[in-house]
Amino acid sequence: MIRSFIAASALLAVTWTAHAEVRIGKGVRIGGHEIAPQTFTEERNGVFYIYQDNPKNPGCRWRNNGDGTRTKICHLKRK
C-alpha cells in the first residue's frame, strides 16, 4: 500500500507541468504577419506553421480536440 502511494506520488511529481496564460498584443509578428490581440490558455491553444511557399490550406482555423479544448491552427506564408 505504501509503495504504491510512493510510486504514484513520484509519478505525479514527474508529470507536473507549469500552466500559463499567454497574451499576444499589438505589434507582435509571427513570420511577418501581425497577430491580433489574442489570449491562449490551457483550453485555447495556438499553433502557427510558417511556410516559405504557399501553404496547402492557408489561413487559420479552430480545431476541437475532443476533450473540451480548442486549438487555433494557422498556416501562414512568410512575408
PDB file of N, CA and C in Angstrom:
ATOM      1  N   MET A   1       0.834  -1.197   0.000  1.00  0.00           N
ATOM      2  CA  MET A   1       0.000   0.000   0.000  1.00  0.00           C
ATOM      3  C   MET A   1       0.871   1.250   0.000  1.00  0.00           C
ATOM      4  N   ILE A   2       1.866   1.270   0.896  1.00  0.00           N
ATOM      5  CA  ILE A   2       2.729   2.450   0.996  1.00  0.00           C
ATOM      6  C   ILE A   2       3.583   2.583  -0.257  1.00  0.00           C
ATOM      7  N   ARG A   3       4.079   1.452  -0.797  1.00  0.00           N
ATOM      8  CA  ARG A   3       4.905   1.510  -2.004  1.00  0.00           C
ATOM      9  C   ARG A   3       4.116   2.068  -3.189  1.00  0.00           C
ATOM     10  N   SER A   4       2.865   1.644  -3.329  1.00  0.00           N
ATOM     11  CA  SER A   4       2.063   2.149  -4.452  1.00  0.00           C
ATOM     12  C   SER A   4       1.785   3.643  -4.291  1.00  0.00           C
ATOM     13  N   PHE A   5       1.585   4.106  -3.061  1.00  0.00           N
ATOM     14  CA  PHE A   5       1.377   5.532  -2.814  1.00  0.00           C
ATOM     15  C   PHE A   5       2.630   6.323  -3.158  1.00  0.00           C
ATOM     16  N   ILE A   6       3.795   5.813  -2.783  1.00  0.00           N
ATOM     17  CA  ILE A   6       5.060   6.499  -3.084  1.00  0.00           C
ATOM     18  C   ILE A   6       5.287   6.524  -4.588  1.00  0.00           C
ATOM     19  N   ALA A   7       5.001   5.406  -5.269  1.00  0.00           N
ATOM     20  CA  ALA A   7       5.178   5.358  -6.723  1.00  0.00           C
ATOM     21  C   ALA A   7       4.230   6.338  -7.406  1.00  0.00           C
ATOM     22  N   ALA A   8       2.984   6.413  -6.941  1.00  0.00           N
ATOM     23  CA  ALA A   8       2.028   7.353  -7.523  1.00  0.00           C
ATOM     24  C   ALA A   8       2.461   8.792  -7.258  1.00  0.00           C
ATOM     25  N   SER A   9       2.973   9.064  -6.064  1.00  0.00           N
ATOM     26  CA  SER A   9       3.444  10.413  -5.746  1.00  0.00           C
ATOM     27  C   SER A   9       4.619  10.798  -6.619  1.00  0.00           C
ATOM     28  N   ALA A  10       5.533   9.862  -6.836  1.00  0.00           N
ATOM     29  CA  ALA A  10       6.698  10.134  -7.687  1.00  0.00           C
ATOM     30  C   ALA A  10       6.258  10.381  -9.124  1.00  0.00           C
ATOM     31  N   LEU A  11       5.290   9.608  -9.599  1.00  0.00           N
ATOM     32  CA  LEU A  11       4.789   9.794 -10.953  1.00  0.00           C
ATOM     33  C   LEU A  11       4.135  11.166 -11.113  1.00  0.00           C
ATOM     34  N   LEU A  12       3.369  11.593 -10.134  1.00  0.00           N
ATOM     35  CA  LEU A  12       2.746  12.911 -10.183  1.00  0.00           C
ATOM     36  C   LEU A  12       3.790  14.016 -10.164  1.00  0.00           C
ATOM     37  N   ALA A  13       4.848  13.831  -9.403  1.00  0.00           N
ATOM     38  CA  ALA A  13       5.908  14.847  -9.328  1.00  0.00           C
ATOM     39  C   ALA A  13       6.623  14.963 -10.663  1.00  0.00           C
ATOM     40  N   VAL A  14       6.787  13.858 -11.373  1.00  0.00           N
ATOM     41  CA  VAL A  14       7.477  13.880 -12.653  1.00  0.00           C
ATOM     42  C   VAL A  14       6.598  14.491 -13.734  1.00  0.00           C
ATOM     43  N   THR A  15       5.297  14.215 -13.717  1.00  0.00           N
ATOM     44  CA  THR A  15       4.412  14.698 -14.775  1.00  0.00           C
ATOM     45  C   THR A  15       3.848  16.085 -14.498  1.00  0.00           C
ATOM     46  N   TRP A  16       4.234  16.740 -13.440  1.00  0.00           N
ATOM     47  CA  TRP A  16       3.747  18.075 -13.115  1.00  0.00           C
ATOM     48  C   TRP A  16       4.224  19.052 -14.175  1.00  0.00           C
ATOM     49  N   THR A  17       3.325  19.854 -14.718  1.00  0.00           N
ATOM     50  CA  THR A  17       3.699  20.851 -15.713  1.00  0.00           C
ATOM     51  C   THR A  17       3.238  22.227 -15.255  1.00  0.00           C
ATOM     52  N   ALA A  18       3.915  23.239 -15.750  1.00  0.00           N
ATOM     53  CA  ALA A  18       3.538  24.608 -15.423  1.00  0.00           C
ATOM     54  C   ALA A  18       2.416  25.052 -16.360  1.00  0.00           C
ATOM     55  N   HIS A  19       1.479  25.793 -15.842  1.00  0.00           N
ATOM     56  CA  HIS A  19       0.365  26.295 -16.633  1.00  0.00           C
ATOM     57  C   HIS A  19       0.452  27.812 -16.676  1.00  0.00           C
ATOM     58  N   ALA A  20       0.308  28.353 -17.868  1.00  0.00           N
ATOM     59  CA  ALA A  20       0.419  29.799 -18.017  1.00  0.00           C
ATOM     60  C   ALA A  20      -0.586  30.293 -19.045  1.00  0.00           C
ATOM     61  N   GLU A  21      -0.846  31.566 -18.993  1.00  0.00           N
ATOM     62  CA  GLU A  21      -1.688  32.232 -19.971  1.00  0.00           C
ATOM     63  C   GLU A  21      -0.802  33.186 -20.742  1.00  0.00           C
ATOM     64  N   VAL A  22      -0.879  33.116 -22.059  1.00  0.00           N
ATOM     65  CA  VAL A  22      -0.065  33.976 -22.909  1.00  0.00           C
ATOM     66  C   VAL A  22      -0.987  34.942 -23.622  1.00  0.00           C
ATOM     67  N   ARG A  23      -0.707  36.215 -23.472  1.00  0.00           N
ATOM     68  CA  ARG A  23      -1.487  37.245 -24.156  1.00  0.00           C
ATOM     69  C   ARG A  23      -0.614  37.870 -25.227  1.00  0.00           C
ATOM     70  N   ILE A  24      -1.131  37.858 -26.443  1.00  0.00           N
ATOM     71  CA  ILE A  24      -0.413  38.439 -27.569  1.00  0.00           C
ATOM     72  C   ILE A  24      -1.062  39.777 -27.878  1.00  0.00           C
ATOM     73  N   GLY A  25      -0.281  40.843 -27.825  1.00  0.00           N
ATOM     74  CA  GLY A  25      -0.837  42.180 -28.015  1.00  0.00           C
ATOM     75  C   GLY A  25      -0.486  42.775 -29.362  1.00  0.00           C
ATOM     76  N   LYS A  26      -0.704  44.078 -29.482  1.00  0.00           N
ATOM     77  CA  LYS A  26      -0.459  44.800 -30.728  1.00  0.00           C
ATOM     78  C   LYS A  26       1.034  44.793 -31.056  1.00  0.00           C
ATOM     79  N   GLY A  27       1.320  44.729 -32.343  1.00  0.00           N
ATOM     80  CA  GLY A  27       2.696  44.821 -32.804  1.00  0.00           C
ATOM     81  C   GLY A  27       3.461  43.504 -32.772  1.00  0.00           C
ATOM     82  N   VAL A  28       2.855  42.414 -32.354  1.00  0.00           N
ATOM     83  CA  VAL A  28       3.539  41.124 -32.331  1.00  0.00           C
ATOM     84  C   VAL A  28       3.394  40.486 -33.702  1.00  0.00           C
ATOM     85  N   ARG A  29       4.524  40.047 -34.255  1.00  0.00           N
ATOM     86  CA  ARG A  29       4.523  39.456 -35.588  1.00  0.00           C
ATOM     87  C   ARG A  29       5.073  38.039 -35.534  1.00  0.00           C
ATOM     88  N   ILE A  30       4.435  37.161 -36.314  1.00  0.00           N
ATOM     89  CA  ILE A  30       4.908  35.792 -36.487  1.00  0.00           C
ATOM     90  C   ILE A  30       5.051  35.575 -37.979  1.00  0.00           C
ATOM     91  N   GLY A  31       6.273  35.379 -38.431  1.00  0.00           N
ATOM     92  CA  GLY A  31       6.515  35.174 -39.859  1.00  0.00           C
ATOM     93  C   GLY A  31       6.137  36.365 -40.710  1.00  0.00           C
ATOM     94  N   GLY A  32       6.153  37.555 -40.143  1.00  0.00           N
ATOM     95  CA  GLY A  32       5.800  38.757 -40.878  1.00  0.00           C
ATOM     96  C   GLY A  32       4.321  39.101 -40.814  1.00  0.00           C
ATOM     97  N   HIS A  33       3.503  38.254 -40.211  1.00  0.00           N
ATOM     98  CA  HIS A  33       2.066  38.502 -40.067  1.00  0.00           C
ATOM     99  C   HIS A  33       1.799  39.067 -38.685  1.00  0.00           C
ATOM    100  N   GLU A  34       1.068  40.181 -38.633  1.00  0.00           N
ATOM    101  CA  GLU A  34       0.708  40.723 -37.334  1.00  0.00           C
ATOM    102  C   GLU A  34      -0.420  39.874 -36.747  1.00  0.00           C
ATOM    103  N   ILE A  35      -0.205  39.414 -35.542  1.00  0.00           N
ATOM    104  CA  ILE A  35      -1.198  38.587 -34.867  1.00  0.00           C
ATOM    105  C   ILE A  35      -2.023  39.523 -33.991  1.00  0.00           C
ATOM    106  N   ALA A  36      -3.338  39.517 -34.217  1.00  0.00           N
ATOM    107  CA  ALA A  36      -4.242  40.399 -33.473  1.00  0.00           C
ATOM    108  C   ALA A  36      -4.187  40.059 -31.989  1.00  0.00           C
ATOM    109  N   PRO A  37      -4.608  40.982 -31.125  1.00  0.00           N
ATOM    110  CA  PRO A  37      -4.607  40.678 -29.688  1.00  0.00           C
ATOM    111  C   PRO A  37      -5.404  39.405 -29.396  1.00  0.00           C
ATOM    112  N   GLN A  38      -4.704  38.390 -28.897  1.00  0.00           N
ATOM    113  CA  GLN A  38      -5.300  37.101 -28.602  1.00  0.00           C
ATOM    114  C   GLN A  38      -4.796  36.613 -27.253  1.00  0.00           C
ATOM    115  N   THR A  39      -5.534  35.717 -26.650  1.00  0.00           N
ATOM    116  CA  THR A  39      -5.129  35.098 -25.396  1.00  0.00           C
ATOM    117  C   THR A  39      -5.195  33.591 -25.568  1.00  0.00           C
ATOM    118  N   PHE A  40      -4.111  32.898 -25.209  1.00  0.00           N
ATOM    119  CA  PHE A  40      -4.071  31.442 -25.274  1.00  0.00           C
ATOM    120  C   PHE A  40      -3.874  30.899 -23.874  1.00  0.00           C
ATOM    121  N   THR A  41      -4.707  29.920 -23.511  1.00  0.00           N
ATOM    122  CA  THR A  41      -4.657  29.294 -22.186  1.00  0.00           C
ATOM    123  C   THR A  41      -4.569  27.779 -22.371  1.00  0.00           C
ATOM    124  N   GLU A  42      -4.800  27.030 -21.272  1.00  0.00           N
ATOM    125  CA  GLU A  42      -4.821  25.576 -21.356  1.00  0.00           C
ATOM    126  C   GLU A  42      -5.931  25.086 -22.280  1.00  0.00           C
ATOM    127  N   GLU A  43      -7.078  25.745 -22.238  1.00  0.00           N
ATOM    128  CA  GLU A  43      -8.223  25.314 -23.025  1.00  0.00           C
ATOM    129  C   GLU A  43      -8.178  25.834 -24.455  1.00  0.00           C
ATOM    130  N   ARG A  44      -7.482  26.942 -24.676  1.00  0.00           N
ATOM    131  CA  ARG A  44      -7.385  27.549 -26.009  1.00  0.00           C
ATOM    132  C   ARG A  44      -5.917  27.670 -26.380  1.00  0.00           C
ATOM    133  N   ASN A  45      -5.453  26.776 -27.245  1.00  0.00           N
ATOM    134  CA  ASN A  45      -4.056  26.741 -27.654  1.00  0.00           C
ATOM    135  C   ASN A  45      -3.911  27.337 -29.045  1.00  0.00           C
ATOM    136  N   GLY A  46      -2.698  27.669 -29.407  1.00  0.00           N
ATOM    137  CA  GLY A  46      -2.420  28.174 -30.742  1.00  0.00           C
ATOM    138  C   GLY A  46      -1.186  27.516 -31.326  1.00  0.00           C
ATOM    139  N   VAL A  47      -1.279  27.115 -32.595  1.00  0.00           N
ATOM    140  CA  VAL A  47      -0.152  26.529 -33.310  1.00  0.00           C
ATOM    141  C   VAL A  47      -0.024  27.286 -34.625  1.00  0.00           C
ATOM    142  N   PHE A  48       1.179  27.819 -34.893  1.00  0.00           N
ATOM    143  CA  PHE A  48       1.409  28.602 -36.103  1.00  0.00           C
ATOM    144  C   PHE A  48       2.481  27.908 -36.935  1.00  0.00           C
ATOM    145  N   TYR A  49       2.131  27.554 -38.186  1.00  0.00           N
ATOM    146  CA  TYR A  49       3.070  26.967 -39.126  1.00  0.00           C
ATOM    147  C   TYR A  49       3.433  28.040 -40.138  1.00  0.00           C
ATOM    148  N   ILE A  50       4.736  28.227 -40.371  1.00  0.00           N
ATOM    149  CA  ILE A  50       5.221  29.244 -41.293  1.00  0.00           C
ATOM    150  C   ILE A  50       5.876  28.526 -42.478  1.00  0.00           C
ATOM    151  N   TYR A  51       5.465  28.860 -43.710  1.00  0.00           N
ATOM    152  CA  TYR A  51       5.969  28.226 -44.919  1.00  0.00           C
ATOM    153  C   TYR A  51       6.715  29.247 -45.772  1.00  0.00           C
ATOM    154  N   GLN A  52       7.741  28.785 -46.500  1.00  0.00           N
ATOM    155  CA  GLN A  52       8.441  29.636 -47.460  1.00  0.00           C
ATOM    156  C   GLN A  52       7.572  29.845 -48.704  1.00  0.00           C
ATOM    157  N   ASP A  53       6.888  28.779 -49.156  1.00  0.00           N
ATOM    158  CA  ASP A  53       5.990  28.846 -50.313  1.00  0.00           C
ATOM    159  C   ASP A  53       4.553  28.920 -49.818  1.00  0.00           C
ATOM    160  N   ASN A  54       3.605  28.914 -50.757  1.00  0.00           N
ATOM    161  CA  ASN A  54       2.193  28.947 -50.378  1.00  0.00           C
ATOM    162  C   ASN A  54       1.804  27.649 -49.671  1.00  0.00           C
ATOM    163  N   PRO A  55       1.154  27.739 -48.500  1.00  0.00           N
ATOM    164  CA  PRO A  55       0.693  26.525 -47.830  1.00  0.00           C
ATOM    165  C   PRO A  55      -0.501  25.914 -48.554  1.00  0.00           C
ATOM    166  N   LYS A  56      -0.709  24.615 -48.339  1.00  0.00           N
ATOM    167  CA  LYS A  56      -1.818  23.923 -48.995  1.00  0.00           C
ATOM    168  C   LYS A  56      -3.163  24.491 -48.537  1.00  0.00           C
ATOM    169  N   ASN A  57      -3.326  24.724 -47.237  1.00  0.00           N
ATOM    170  CA  ASN A  57      -4.570  25.277 -46.676  1.00  0.00           C
ATOM    171  C   ASN A  57      -4.234  26.574 -45.934  1.00  0.00           C
ATOM    172  N   PRO A  58      -4.117  27.706 -46.633  1.00  0.00           N
ATOM    173  CA  PRO A  58      -3.729  28.943 -45.953  1.00  0.00           C
ATOM    174  C   PRO A  58      -4.821  29.458 -45.022  1.00  0.00           C
ATOM    175  N   GLY A  59      -4.403  30.203 -44.018  1.00  0.00           N
ATOM    176  CA  GLY A  59      -5.347  30.813 -43.087  1.00  0.00           C
ATOM    177  C   GLY A  59      -5.360  30.113 -41.742  1.00  0.00           C
ATOM    178  N   CYS A  60      -6.317  30.518 -40.909  1.00  0.00           N
ATOM    179  CA  CYS A  60      -6.430  29.984 -39.548  1.00  0.00           C
ATOM    180  C   CYS A  60      -7.783  29.323 -39.349  1.00  0.00           C
ATOM    181  N   ARG A  61      -7.777  28.252 -38.574  1.00  0.00           N
ATOM    182  CA  ARG A  61      -9.000  27.519 -38.248  1.00  0.00           C
ATOM    183  C   ARG A  61      -8.932  27.057 -36.803  1.00  0.00           C
ATOM    184  N   TRP A  62     -10.097  26.924 -36.173  1.00  0.00           N
ATOM    185  CA  TRP A  62     -10.183  26.369 -34.822  1.00  0.00           C
ATOM    186  C   TRP A  62     -10.469  24.881 -34.933  1.00  0.00           C
ATOM    187  N   ARG A  63      -9.732  24.070 -34.180  1.00  0.00           N
ATOM    188  CA  ARG A  63      -9.939  22.628 -34.154  1.00  0.00           C
ATOM    189  C   ARG A  63     -10.343  22.215 -32.750  1.00  0.00           C
ATOM    190  N   ASN A  64     -11.442  21.461 -32.626  1.00  0.00           N
ATOM    191  CA  ASN A  64     -11.842  20.898 -31.335  1.00  0.00           C
ATOM    192  C   ASN A  64     -11.047  19.626 -31.104  1.00  0.00           C
ATOM    193  N   ASN A  65     -10.459  19.488 -29.930  1.00  0.00           N
ATOM    194  CA  ASN A  65      -9.610  18.343 -29.636  1.00  0.00           C
ATOM    195  C   ASN A  65     -10.376  17.158 -29.060  1.00  0.00           C
ATOM    196  N   GLY A  66     -11.653  17.309 -28.774  1.00  0.00           N
ATOM    197  CA  GLY A  66     -12.446  16.209 -28.266  1.00  0.00           C
ATOM    198  C   GLY A  66     -12.456  16.090 -26.755  1.00  0.00           C
ATOM    199  N   ASP A  67     -11.588  16.834 -26.080  1.00  0.00           N
ATOM    200  CA  ASP A  67     -11.555  16.784 -24.619  1.00  0.00           C
ATOM    201  C   ASP A  67     -11.970  18.113 -24.003  1.00  0.00           C
ATOM    202  N   GLY A  68     -12.646  18.945 -24.775  1.00  0.00           N
ATOM    203  CA  GLY A  68     -13.103  20.235 -24.278  1.00  0.00           C
ATOM    204  C   GLY A  68     -12.150  21.378 -24.573  1.00  0.00           C
ATOM    205  N   THR A  69     -10.996  21.079 -25.168  1.00  0.00           N
ATOM    206  CA  THR A  69     -10.043  22.124 -25.505  1.00  0.00           C
ATOM    207  C   THR A  69     -10.131  22.419 -26.996  1.00  0.00           C
ATOM    208  N   ARG A  70      -9.654  23.600 -27.369  1.00  0.00           N
ATOM    209  CA  ARG A  70      -9.636  24.024 -28.764  1.00  0.00           C
ATOM    210  C   ARG A  70      -8.239  24.490 -29.118  1.00  0.00           C
ATOM    211  N   THR A  71      -7.846  24.286 -30.369  1.00  0.00           N
ATOM    212  CA  THR A  71      -6.548  24.716 -30.848  1.00  0.00           C
ATOM    213  C   THR A  71      -6.739  25.524 -32.121  1.00  0.00           C
ATOM    214  N   LYS A  72      -6.116  26.695 -32.156  1.00  0.00           N
ATOM    215  CA  LYS A  72      -6.145  27.519 -33.360  1.00  0.00           C
ATOM    216  C   LYS A  72      -4.938  27.129 -34.211  1.00  0.00           C
ATOM    217  N   ILE A  73      -5.212  26.602 -35.401  1.00  0.00           N
ATOM    218  CA  ILE A  73      -4.167  26.168 -36.317  1.00  0.00           C
ATOM    219  C   ILE A  73      -4.059  27.209 -37.423  1.00  0.00           C
ATOM    220  N   CYS A  74      -2.866  27.782 -37.595  1.00  0.00           N
ATOM    221  CA  CYS A  74      -2.644  28.791 -38.632  1.00  0.00           C
ATOM    222  C   CYS A  74      -1.532  28.318 -39.576  1.00  0.00           C
ATOM    223  N   HIS A  75      -1.826  28.328 -40.875  1.00  0.00           N
ATOM    224  CA  HIS A  75      -0.846  28.024 -41.914  1.00  0.00           C
ATOM    225  C   HIS A  75      -0.580  29.336 -42.652  1.00  0.00           C
ATOM    226  N   LEU A  76       0.599  29.904 -42.445  1.00  0.00           N
ATOM    227  CA  LEU A  76       0.921  31.219 -42.990  1.00  0.00           C
ATOM    228  C   LEU A  76       2.153  31.150 -43.879  1.00  0.00           C
ATOM    229  N   LYS A  77       2.186  31.985 -44.903  1.00  0.00           N
ATOM    230  CA  LYS A  77       3.372  32.123 -45.761  1.00  0.00           C
ATOM    231  C   LYS A  77       4.239  33.242 -45.205  1.00  0.00           C
ATOM    232  N   ARG A  78       5.532  32.988 -45.145  1.00  0.00           N
ATOM    233  CA  ARG A  78       6.473  34.011 -44.656  1.00  0.00           C
ATOM    234  C   ARG A  78       6.437  35.201 -45.607  1.00  0.00           C
ATOM    235  N   LYS A  79       6.348  36.395 -45.045  1.00  0.00           N
ATOM    236  CA  LYS A  79       6.320  37.604 -45.871  1.00  0.00           C
ATOM    237  C   LYS A  79       7.707  38.056 -46.193  1.00  0.00           C
TER     238      LYS A  79
END
